[in-house]
């Protein structure tokens, strides 16, 4: 087996992950374990890396098991041919799936190593241009083999993630995390928290008032991998809220991405920071390979596009924003914090983005002008967002399936659950969880 030369990321929607677990735990008349096949839409990136986003699972039917006491489960040719047919019909990736019924990272058994490569080859013969493999689940973790264009790579992908609240994350632990006194005060977040922060990749779109707070707190938290999107340069009117900015940056017209990078590295020199001086739409692949995306953008249209991209690639999206507007009673300050999770209600389901708001915003295009901004509401919303992010990736609070839409009232200084959470549909009405990867357009 050759070493993995590609970055490979596997993502499962939380609902699909729970469906697979439930099926594999069912008893069988004579087999010691259950088997199934998961199918994915895979995207090849410019750097020859793969994003593998699972969309479907099919159990092996009871009659397709072969009685054999020497192995946990043996399946017949019909089950394998059915999986091959799905790969051919849908031009998708196919993965043999089974469960090792314990906690912690599972590892392939001797029987797995002996019997499963042949199944991978069968799937690969149906579509050799797609990655295929084996996905092994435990009660709370994963292992995977992946074959890419004829090369079976008996190693973990870079990261495997179940997209739910909290996320289930397993990464290829090449090195031990840097456990030291720097992070000792946050050990209550879990024994794996330091390793999670060191491995996970965060993407930030917009590095103004809110984004500058986010990068500072993420760096203090121990996050090491950042991708930063912003093409703007600092102006004198930004200094009242841009964390990390110096007065000298105004004269130099320093890029906001450079200010954020300087801030991150001043906190942790080991951090890896990729800065992209363009719109995210012009370099979408850099966003797609992240693990969690933060949005600090100004318009509903920007949010709508960013959320749609995150849904297509099974990415959790955390949005913050605030505004100050004038009414008969004086100035009113308000804001929001929203976690948009694939499979859960989106910002349209929540009523935050509507066609009416988009239309009114489009009618004012180019006439919005400078909006009032101050530092403290951005700091409050950013801190709350970091709290949600931390719980999402570590699960330290014990909360499950949490929905997040928080409303901020700057005049009273309160942030609380938005009342609309009590009236949401159980699943998203706007983004089909099976529609992942690059959009495909049909001629009308």
Protein backbone atom coordinates (compact mmCIF):
# COMPACT_ATOMS: atom_id res chain seq x y z
CA UNK A 1 0.00 0.00 0.00
CA UNK A 2 1.32 3.41 -0.93
CA UNK A 3 1.08 6.40 1.31
CA UNK A 4 -1.75 8.83 0.74
CA UNK A 5 -0.67 11.60 -1.61
CA UNK A 6 -4.05 13.33 -1.68
CA UNK A 7 -6.02 15.35 0.82
CA UNK A 8 -9.30 13.48 1.27
CA UNK A 9 -12.24 14.78 3.27
CA UNK A 10 -15.35 12.66 3.96
CA UNK A 11 -18.57 14.30 5.15
CA UNK A 12 -21.85 12.69 6.19
CA UNK A 13 -25.05 14.62 6.93
CA UNK A 14 -26.07 14.00 10.52
CA UNK A 15 -29.39 12.43 9.51
CA UNK A 16 -27.63 9.97 7.20
CA UNK A 17 -25.06 9.14 9.88
CA UNK A 18 -27.82 8.33 12.37
CA UNK A 19 -29.64 6.25 9.76
CA UNK A 20 -26.50 4.19 9.11
CA UNK A 21 -25.81 3.65 12.81
CA UNK A 22 -29.38 2.56 13.46
CA UNK A 23 -29.33 0.09 10.59
CA UNK A 24 -25.96 -1.44 11.45
CA UNK A 25 -27.04 -2.05 15.05
CA UNK A 26 -30.00 -4.23 14.01
CA UNK A 27 -29.58 -7.94 14.81
CA UNK A 28 -29.50 -10.50 12.01
CA UNK A 29 -30.69 -14.11 12.13
CA UNK A 30 -27.16 -15.52 11.84
CA UNK A 31 -24.66 -12.78 10.86
CA UNK A 32 -22.72 -11.25 13.76
CA UNK A 33 -22.83 -7.79 12.19
CA UNK A 34 -24.69 -5.79 9.56
CA UNK A 35 -23.30 -4.43 6.29
CA UNK A 36 -24.45 -1.68 3.95
CA UNK A 37 -23.30 0.58 1.14
CA UNK A 38 -23.06 4.38 1.27
CA UNK A 39 -22.94 6.49 -1.87
CA UNK A 40 -21.39 9.91 -2.29
CA UNK A 41 -20.95 12.78 -4.69
CA UNK A 42 -17.22 13.45 -4.95
CA UNK A 43 -15.49 16.62 -6.10
CA UNK A 44 -11.93 16.70 -7.42
CA UNK A 45 -10.21 19.97 -6.54
CA UNK A 46 -7.47 21.75 -8.46
CA UNK A 47 -4.78 20.38 -6.14
CA UNK A 48 -5.88 16.79 -6.86
CA UNK A 49 -7.62 16.52 -3.50
CA UNK A 50 -11.08 15.06 -3.01
CA UNK A 51 -14.20 16.14 -1.16
CA UNK A 52 -16.45 13.11 -0.65
CA UNK A 53 -19.96 14.08 0.47
CA UNK A 54 -22.27 11.18 1.30
CA UNK A 55 -25.88 11.42 0.17
CA UNK A 56 -27.42 7.94 0.37
CA UNK A 57 -27.25 4.63 2.23
CA UNK A 58 -28.61 1.23 1.22
CA UNK A 59 -28.66 -1.70 3.68
CA UNK A 60 -27.78 -5.19 2.50
CA UNK A 61 -31.03 -7.15 2.54
CA UNK A 62 -31.32 -10.07 4.95
CA UNK A 63 -31.45 -12.72 2.22
CA UNK A 64 -28.16 -11.52 0.73
CA UNK A 65 -26.06 -12.60 3.75
CA UNK A 66 -24.20 -15.91 3.58
CA UNK A 67 -23.97 -18.01 6.73
CA UNK A 68 -20.31 -18.25 7.72
CA UNK A 69 -19.17 -18.54 11.36
CA UNK A 70 -15.58 -17.60 10.51
CA UNK A 71 -16.33 -13.91 9.83
CA UNK A 72 -18.60 -11.23 11.27
CA UNK A 73 -20.61 -10.97 8.06
CA UNK A 74 -20.34 -12.35 4.56
CA UNK A 75 -22.51 -11.05 1.74
CA UNK A 76 -23.32 -12.61 -1.59
CA UNK A 77 -22.71 -11.43 -5.12
CA UNK A 78 -26.21 -9.98 -5.52
CA UNK A 79 -25.59 -7.39 -2.78
CA UNK A 80 -22.31 -6.36 -4.38
CA UNK A 81 -23.84 -6.19 -7.85
CA UNK A 82 -26.67 -4.02 -6.54
CA UNK A 83 -24.10 -1.56 -5.14
CA UNK A 84 -22.18 -1.64 -8.43
CA UNK A 85 -25.38 -0.86 -10.31
CA UNK A 86 -26.03 2.19 -8.13
CA UNK A 87 -22.50 3.46 -8.82
CA UNK A 88 -23.07 3.02 -12.56
CA UNK A 89 -26.54 4.58 -12.59
CA UNK A 90 -25.64 7.62 -10.51
CA UNK A 91 -21.98 8.16 -11.48
CA UNK A 92 -21.15 8.29 -7.80
CA UNK A 93 -18.67 6.96 -5.27
CA UNK A 94 -19.50 3.73 -3.44
CA UNK A 95 -18.34 2.69 0.05
CA UNK A 96 -18.77 -0.60 1.88
CA UNK A 97 -19.93 0.27 5.42
CA UNK A 98 -19.95 -1.74 8.64
CA UNK A 99 -19.80 -1.16 12.40
CA UNK A 100 -17.29 -2.10 15.07
CA UNK A 101 -19.52 -1.89 18.11
CA UNK A 102 -17.26 -0.04 20.57
CA UNK A 103 -16.23 3.51 21.38
CA UNK A 104 -13.09 5.16 20.03
CA UNK A 105 -11.53 5.00 16.60
CA UNK A 106 -12.14 1.65 14.87
CA UNK A 107 -9.41 -0.15 12.95
CA UNK A 108 -9.71 -2.70 10.13
CA UNK A 109 -9.58 -6.30 11.30
CA UNK A 110 -7.62 -9.03 9.59
CA UNK A 111 -10.81 -10.18 7.87
CA UNK A 112 -11.44 -6.60 6.69
CA UNK A 113 -7.95 -6.34 5.19
CA UNK A 114 -8.32 -9.69 3.47
CA UNK A 115 -11.86 -9.47 2.12
CA UNK A 116 -12.76 -5.84 1.50
CA UNK A 117 -10.20 -4.72 -1.12
CA UNK A 118 -11.91 -6.99 -3.64
CA UNK A 119 -15.24 -5.23 -3.03
CA UNK A 120 -13.57 -1.84 -3.48
CA UNK A 121 -12.14 -3.06 -6.79
CA UNK A 122 -15.59 -4.16 -7.94
CA UNK A 123 -17.01 -0.70 -7.24
CA UNK A 124 -14.02 0.98 -8.89
CA UNK A 125 -14.51 -1.09 -12.05
CA UNK A 126 -17.95 0.51 -12.47
CA UNK A 127 -16.56 4.05 -12.38
CA UNK A 128 -12.76 4.23 -12.15
CA UNK A 129 -12.78 8.04 -12.15
CA UNK A 130 -14.53 8.24 -8.79
CA UNK A 131 -13.02 7.46 -5.37
CA UNK A 132 -14.43 4.31 -3.73
CA UNK A 133 -13.68 2.61 -0.47
CA UNK A 134 -14.64 1.26 2.92
CA UNK A 135 -16.09 3.23 5.81
CA UNK A 136 -15.89 1.63 9.26
CA UNK A 137 -17.94 3.15 12.07
CA UNK A 138 -17.66 2.76 15.81
CA UNK A 139 -20.16 4.15 18.31
CA UNK A 140 -18.51 7.57 18.11
CA UNK A 141 -15.80 7.56 15.45
CA UNK A 142 -14.71 6.41 11.97
CA UNK A 143 -12.03 4.79 9.87
CA UNK A 144 -11.83 4.72 6.07
CA UNK A 145 -9.90 3.24 3.16
CA UNK A 146 -10.08 5.09 -0.10
CA UNK A 147 -9.08 4.00 -3.59
CA UNK A 148 -8.34 6.78 -6.08
CA UNK A 149 -7.84 5.76 -9.69
CA UNK A 150 -6.62 2.28 -8.90
CA UNK A 151 -4.50 3.03 -5.82
CA UNK A 152 -5.87 1.70 -2.53
CA UNK A 153 -4.66 3.94 0.27
CA UNK A 154 -4.86 2.05 3.57
CA UNK A 155 -4.79 5.23 5.64
CA UNK A 156 -7.25 7.64 7.19
CA UNK A 157 -8.46 10.53 5.05
CA UNK A 158 -7.43 13.91 6.43
CA UNK A 159 -10.77 14.21 8.21
CA UNK A 160 -14.12 12.40 8.42
CA UNK A 161 -17.03 14.40 9.81
CA UNK A 162 -20.67 13.76 10.65
CA UNK A 163 -22.37 17.13 10.21
CA UNK A 164 -24.67 17.37 13.22
CA UNK A 165 -24.76 19.12 16.61
CA UNK A 166 -22.31 18.27 18.04
CA UNK A 167 -20.17 17.17 15.11
CA UNK A 168 -18.47 13.78 15.16
CA UNK A 169 -14.92 14.37 13.97
CA UNK A 170 -12.10 11.94 13.26
CA UNK A 171 -8.83 13.11 11.75
CA UNK A 172 -5.60 11.49 10.69
CA UNK A 173 -3.48 11.96 13.81
CA UNK A 174 -0.02 12.24 12.26
CA UNK A 175 1.31 14.04 15.33
CA UNK A 176 0.31 14.34 18.95
CA UNK A 177 -1.43 17.65 19.79
CA UNK A 178 0.66 20.24 21.56
CA UNK A 179 -0.77 19.77 25.03
CA UNK A 180 0.89 22.33 27.25
CA UNK A 181 0.12 24.96 29.83
CA UNK A 182 -1.11 27.39 27.17
CA UNK A 183 -4.44 25.56 26.90
CA UNK A 184 -4.57 23.94 30.33
CA UNK A 185 -7.39 26.20 31.58
CA UNK A 186 -9.75 24.90 28.87
CA UNK A 187 -9.19 21.18 29.42
CA UNK A 188 -12.84 20.90 30.53
CA UNK A 189 -13.73 21.09 26.82
CA UNK A 190 -12.70 17.44 26.51
CA UNK A 191 -9.55 15.36 26.18
CA UNK A 192 -9.67 15.65 22.38
CA UNK A 193 -10.40 19.39 22.26
CA UNK A 194 -6.78 20.52 21.79
CA UNK A 195 -6.33 18.03 18.93
CA UNK A 196 -9.60 19.14 17.33
CA UNK A 197 -8.54 22.79 17.40
CA UNK A 198 -5.17 21.91 15.92
CA UNK A 199 -6.65 19.90 13.03
CA UNK A 200 -9.87 21.68 12.10
CA UNK A 201 -9.82 24.28 9.32
CA UNK A 202 -11.87 27.44 9.72
CA UNK A 203 -12.84 29.82 6.93
CA UNK A 204 -13.74 33.45 7.62
CA UNK A 205 -15.47 35.60 5.03
CA UNK A 206 -15.29 39.29 5.97
CA UNK A 207 -12.68 40.65 8.38
CA UNK A 208 -14.19 43.92 9.51
CA UNK A 209 -15.70 44.56 12.93
CA UNK A 210 -17.06 41.06 13.55
CA UNK A 211 -14.45 39.04 11.66
CA UNK A 212 -11.52 40.68 13.44
CA UNK A 213 -12.95 39.63 16.82
CA UNK A 214 -13.46 36.09 15.53
CA UNK A 215 -9.88 35.55 14.34
CA UNK A 216 -8.51 36.86 17.62
CA UNK A 217 -10.64 34.52 19.73
CA UNK A 218 -10.10 31.50 17.47
CA UNK A 219 -6.34 32.00 17.74
CA UNK A 220 -6.55 32.22 21.53
CA UNK A 221 -8.70 29.05 21.52
CA UNK A 222 -5.90 27.11 19.81
CA UNK A 223 -7.17 26.91 16.21
CA UNK A 224 -4.19 26.56 13.86
CA UNK A 225 -5.62 26.52 10.32
CA UNK A 226 -7.24 29.66 8.89
CA UNK A 227 -8.46 30.73 5.46
CA UNK A 228 -9.32 34.43 5.34
CA UNK A 229 -11.37 36.13 2.62
CA UNK A 230 -11.48 39.92 2.25
CA UNK A 231 -10.31 42.25 -0.51
CA UNK A 232 -10.78 45.49 1.46
CA UNK A 233 -8.12 47.76 2.90
CA UNK A 234 -8.34 49.62 6.20
CA UNK A 235 -9.61 53.21 6.22
CA UNK A 236 -9.69 55.72 9.05
CA UNK A 237 -13.38 55.02 9.67
CA UNK A 238 -12.54 51.36 10.42
CA UNK A 239 -10.23 52.01 13.35
CA UNK A 240 -13.06 52.31 15.87
CA UNK A 241 -13.90 48.59 15.58
CA UNK A 242 -11.15 46.65 13.74
CA UNK A 243 -9.35 44.49 16.33
CA UNK A 244 -5.62 44.28 15.64
CA UNK A 245 -5.45 47.42 13.52
CA UNK A 246 -2.82 50.08 14.21
CA UNK A 247 -3.02 53.78 13.47
CA UNK A 248 -0.06 53.36 11.10
CA UNK A 249 -2.11 50.89 9.02
CA UNK A 250 -4.37 53.72 7.86
CA UNK A 251 -1.56 55.54 6.06
CA UNK A 252 -0.24 52.25 4.63
CA UNK A 253 -3.77 51.18 3.58
CA UNK A 254 -3.00 47.74 4.93
CA UNK A 255 -5.20 44.88 3.74
CA UNK A 256 -7.64 43.63 6.36
CA UNK A 257 -6.45 40.09 5.66
CA UNK A 258 -2.88 41.11 6.49
CA UNK A 259 -4.01 42.74 9.73
CA UNK A 260 -5.88 39.57 10.69
CA UNK A 261 -2.91 37.36 9.80
CA UNK A 262 -0.59 39.56 11.87
CA UNK A 263 -2.99 39.30 14.81
CA UNK A 264 -3.26 35.51 14.58
CA UNK A 265 0.49 34.97 14.35
CA UNK A 266 1.15 37.34 17.24
CA UNK A 267 -0.97 35.01 19.39
CA UNK A 268 0.27 31.72 17.95
CA UNK A 269 3.27 31.76 15.58
CA UNK A 270 2.57 28.11 14.65
CA UNK A 271 -0.72 28.97 12.96
CA UNK A 272 -1.11 28.46 9.21
CA UNK A 273 -2.95 31.38 7.63
CA UNK A 274 -4.05 31.50 4.00
CA UNK A 275 -5.19 34.95 2.91
CA UNK A 276 -7.30 35.43 -0.22
CA UNK A 277 -7.68 38.98 -1.50
CA UNK A 278 -10.82 38.45 -3.52
CA UNK A 279 -14.46 37.53 -3.22
CA UNK A 280 -14.94 33.96 -2.03
CA UNK A 281 -16.92 33.26 -5.22
CA UNK A 282 -13.70 33.75 -7.22
CA UNK A 283 -11.88 31.07 -5.20
CA UNK A 284 -14.66 28.83 -3.95
CA UNK A 285 -12.49 25.73 -3.59
CA UNK A 286 -10.54 27.38 -0.78
CA UNK A 287 -13.84 27.73 1.06
CA UNK A 288 -15.02 24.19 0.26
CA UNK A 289 -12.01 22.52 1.92
CA UNK A 290 -12.74 24.24 5.24
CA UNK A 291 -14.54 22.42 8.05
CA UNK A 292 -16.53 25.34 9.52
CA UNK A 293 -17.30 28.67 7.80
CA UNK A 294 -17.89 32.01 9.55
CA UNK A 295 -19.65 34.79 7.66
CA UNK A 296 -19.38 38.45 8.60
CA UNK A 297 -20.87 39.99 5.45
CA UNK A 298 -23.02 43.06 5.01
CA UNK A 299 -25.98 42.08 2.84
CA UNK A 300 -28.74 39.49 2.69
CA UNK A 301 -27.64 38.57 -0.84
CA UNK A 302 -24.08 37.87 0.36
CA UNK A 303 -25.45 35.70 3.16
CA UNK A 304 -27.80 33.87 0.81
CA UNK A 305 -24.99 32.96 -1.60
CA UNK A 306 -22.60 31.97 1.17
CA UNK A 307 -25.16 29.77 2.90
CA UNK A 308 -26.08 28.09 -0.39
CA UNK A 309 -22.41 27.24 -1.06
CA UNK A 310 -22.02 25.81 2.43
CA UNK A 311 -25.13 23.68 1.97
CA UNK A 312 -23.80 22.28 -1.31
CA UNK A 313 -20.62 21.13 0.44
CA UNK A 314 -22.07 20.04 3.81
CA UNK A 315 -20.36 22.85 5.71
CA UNK A 316 -21.64 24.32 8.98
CA UNK A 317 -22.07 28.08 8.51
CA UNK A 318 -22.04 30.55 11.42
CA UNK A 319 -23.37 34.01 10.57
CA UNK A 320 -23.14 37.15 12.68
CA UNK A 321 -24.16 40.71 11.94
CA UNK A 322 -25.40 43.88 13.56
CA UNK A 323 -27.02 47.12 12.48
CA UNK A 324 -27.98 50.49 13.91
CA UNK A 325 -31.07 52.20 12.53
CA UNK A 326 -33.08 55.25 13.50
CA UNK A 327 -36.73 55.19 14.53
CA UNK A 328 -39.17 57.61 16.17
CA UNK A 329 -37.79 56.51 19.55
CA UNK A 330 -34.17 57.19 18.57
CA UNK A 331 -31.37 54.86 17.52
CA UNK A 332 -32.00 51.12 17.75
CA UNK A 333 -29.17 48.57 17.74
CA UNK A 334 -29.87 44.96 16.80
CA UNK A 335 -28.05 41.90 15.53
CA UNK A 336 -28.17 38.17 15.00
CA UNK A 337 -26.18 34.98 15.45
CA UNK A 338 -27.29 32.03 13.31
CA UNK A 339 -25.89 28.54 12.90
CA UNK A 340 -26.93 27.10 9.53
CA UNK A 341 -26.39 23.32 9.53
CA UNK A 342 -26.94 21.16 6.42
CA UNK A 343 -30.12 19.17 6.95
CA UNK A 344 -31.45 21.57 9.58
CA UNK A 345 -33.61 24.66 8.92
CA UNK A 346 -31.78 27.33 6.92
CA UNK A 347 -31.87 31.13 7.19
CA UNK A 348 -34.87 31.19 4.87
CA UNK A 349 -36.70 28.65 7.03
CA UNK A 350 -35.92 30.93 9.98
CA UNK A 351 -37.40 33.95 8.20
CA UNK A 352 -34.12 35.85 8.39
CA UNK A 353 -33.64 35.84 4.60
CA UNK A 354 -36.77 36.46 2.55
CA UNK A 355 -37.48 37.33 -1.05
CA UNK A 356 -38.92 40.65 0.12
CA UNK A 357 -35.72 41.59 1.94
CA UNK A 358 -33.61 40.58 -1.06
CA UNK A 359 -35.79 42.63 -3.41
CA UNK A 360 -35.69 45.74 -1.23
CA UNK A 361 -31.93 45.40 -0.84
CA UNK A 362 -31.47 45.03 -4.61
CA UNK A 363 -33.53 48.16 -5.19
CA UNK A 364 -31.14 50.14 -2.98
CA UNK A 365 -28.01 48.69 -4.58
CA UNK A 366 -25.23 51.27 -4.58
CA UNK A 367 -27.18 53.64 -2.31
CA UNK A 368 -26.69 51.97 1.05
CA UNK A 369 -23.92 54.28 2.23
CA UNK A 370 -21.83 53.89 5.36
CA UNK A 371 -23.60 52.06 8.15
CA UNK A 372 -23.13 52.94 11.81
CA UNK A 373 -20.76 50.50 13.54
CA UNK A 374 -19.17 50.31 16.97
CA UNK A 375 -16.91 47.74 18.57
CA UNK A 376 -18.85 46.30 21.51
CA UNK A 377 -21.83 44.63 19.72
CA UNK A 378 -19.43 43.01 17.27
CA UNK A 379 -17.43 41.71 20.22
CA UNK A 380 -20.50 40.33 21.97
CA UNK A 381 -21.81 38.59 18.86
CA UNK A 382 -18.37 37.23 17.98
CA UNK A 383 -17.85 35.85 21.50
CA UNK A 384 -21.24 34.15 21.36
CA UNK A 385 -20.37 32.70 17.95
CA UNK A 386 -17.09 31.30 19.28
CA UNK A 387 -19.03 29.68 22.10
CA UNK A 388 -21.35 28.00 19.59
CA UNK A 389 -18.39 26.90 17.45
CA UNK A 390 -16.58 25.42 20.44
CA UNK A 391 -19.60 23.42 21.54
CA UNK A 392 -20.30 22.36 17.95
CA UNK A 393 -16.87 20.78 17.46
CA UNK A 394 -16.19 19.48 21.00
CA UNK A 395 -19.69 18.75 22.37
CA UNK A 396 -18.50 19.84 25.82
CA UNK A 397 -21.94 21.05 27.01
CA UNK A 398 -23.72 17.77 26.26
CA UNK A 399 -26.40 19.48 24.14
CA UNK A 400 -27.62 17.57 21.08
CA UNK A 401 -29.42 18.63 17.90
CA UNK A 402 -29.29 22.26 18.99
CA UNK A 403 -30.77 24.93 16.71
CA UNK A 404 -29.18 28.39 16.96
CA UNK A 405 -30.84 31.68 16.04
CA UNK A 406 -30.05 34.32 18.62
CA UNK A 407 -31.35 37.87 18.55
CA UNK A 408 -29.30 40.74 19.98
CA UNK A 409 -30.89 43.90 21.38
CA UNK A 410 -28.10 46.43 21.74
CA UNK A 411 -30.26 48.97 23.56
CA UNK A 412 -31.03 46.58 26.41
CA UNK A 413 -27.75 44.69 26.10
CA UNK A 414 -29.41 41.27 25.81
CA UNK A 415 -28.93 38.31 23.50
CA UNK A 416 -31.47 35.51 23.58
CA UNK A 417 -33.10 32.75 21.55
CA UNK A 418 -35.18 34.13 18.69
CA UNK A 419 -38.89 33.40 18.98
CA UNK A 420 -38.93 31.98 15.44
CA UNK A 421 -37.09 28.88 16.67
CA UNK A 422 -40.38 27.76 18.21
CA UNK A 423 -42.09 27.67 14.80
CA UNK A 424 -39.50 26.07 12.52
CA UNK A 425 -40.10 23.09 10.22
CA UNK A 426 -38.28 19.91 11.37
CA UNK A 427 -36.07 19.86 8.27
CA UNK A 428 -34.93 22.43 5.73
CA UNK A 429 -37.53 23.30 3.10
CA UNK A 430 -35.09 24.98 0.70
CA UNK A 431 -31.94 22.84 0.41
CA UNK A 432 -32.19 19.12 -0.36
CA UNK A 433 -29.55 17.28 1.67
CA UNK A 434 -28.88 14.98 -1.29
CA UNK A 435 -28.04 17.86 -3.65
CA UNK A 436 -24.35 18.31 -2.94
CA UNK A 437 -21.23 19.23 -4.88
CA UNK A 438 -21.02 21.55 -7.90
CA UNK A 439 -24.47 22.60 -9.14
CA UNK A 440 -25.59 21.13 -12.45
CA UNK A 441 -27.63 23.32 -14.75
CA UNK A 442 -30.22 22.06 -17.21
CA UNK A 443 -31.09 23.86 -20.43
CA UNK A 444 -34.73 25.01 -20.44
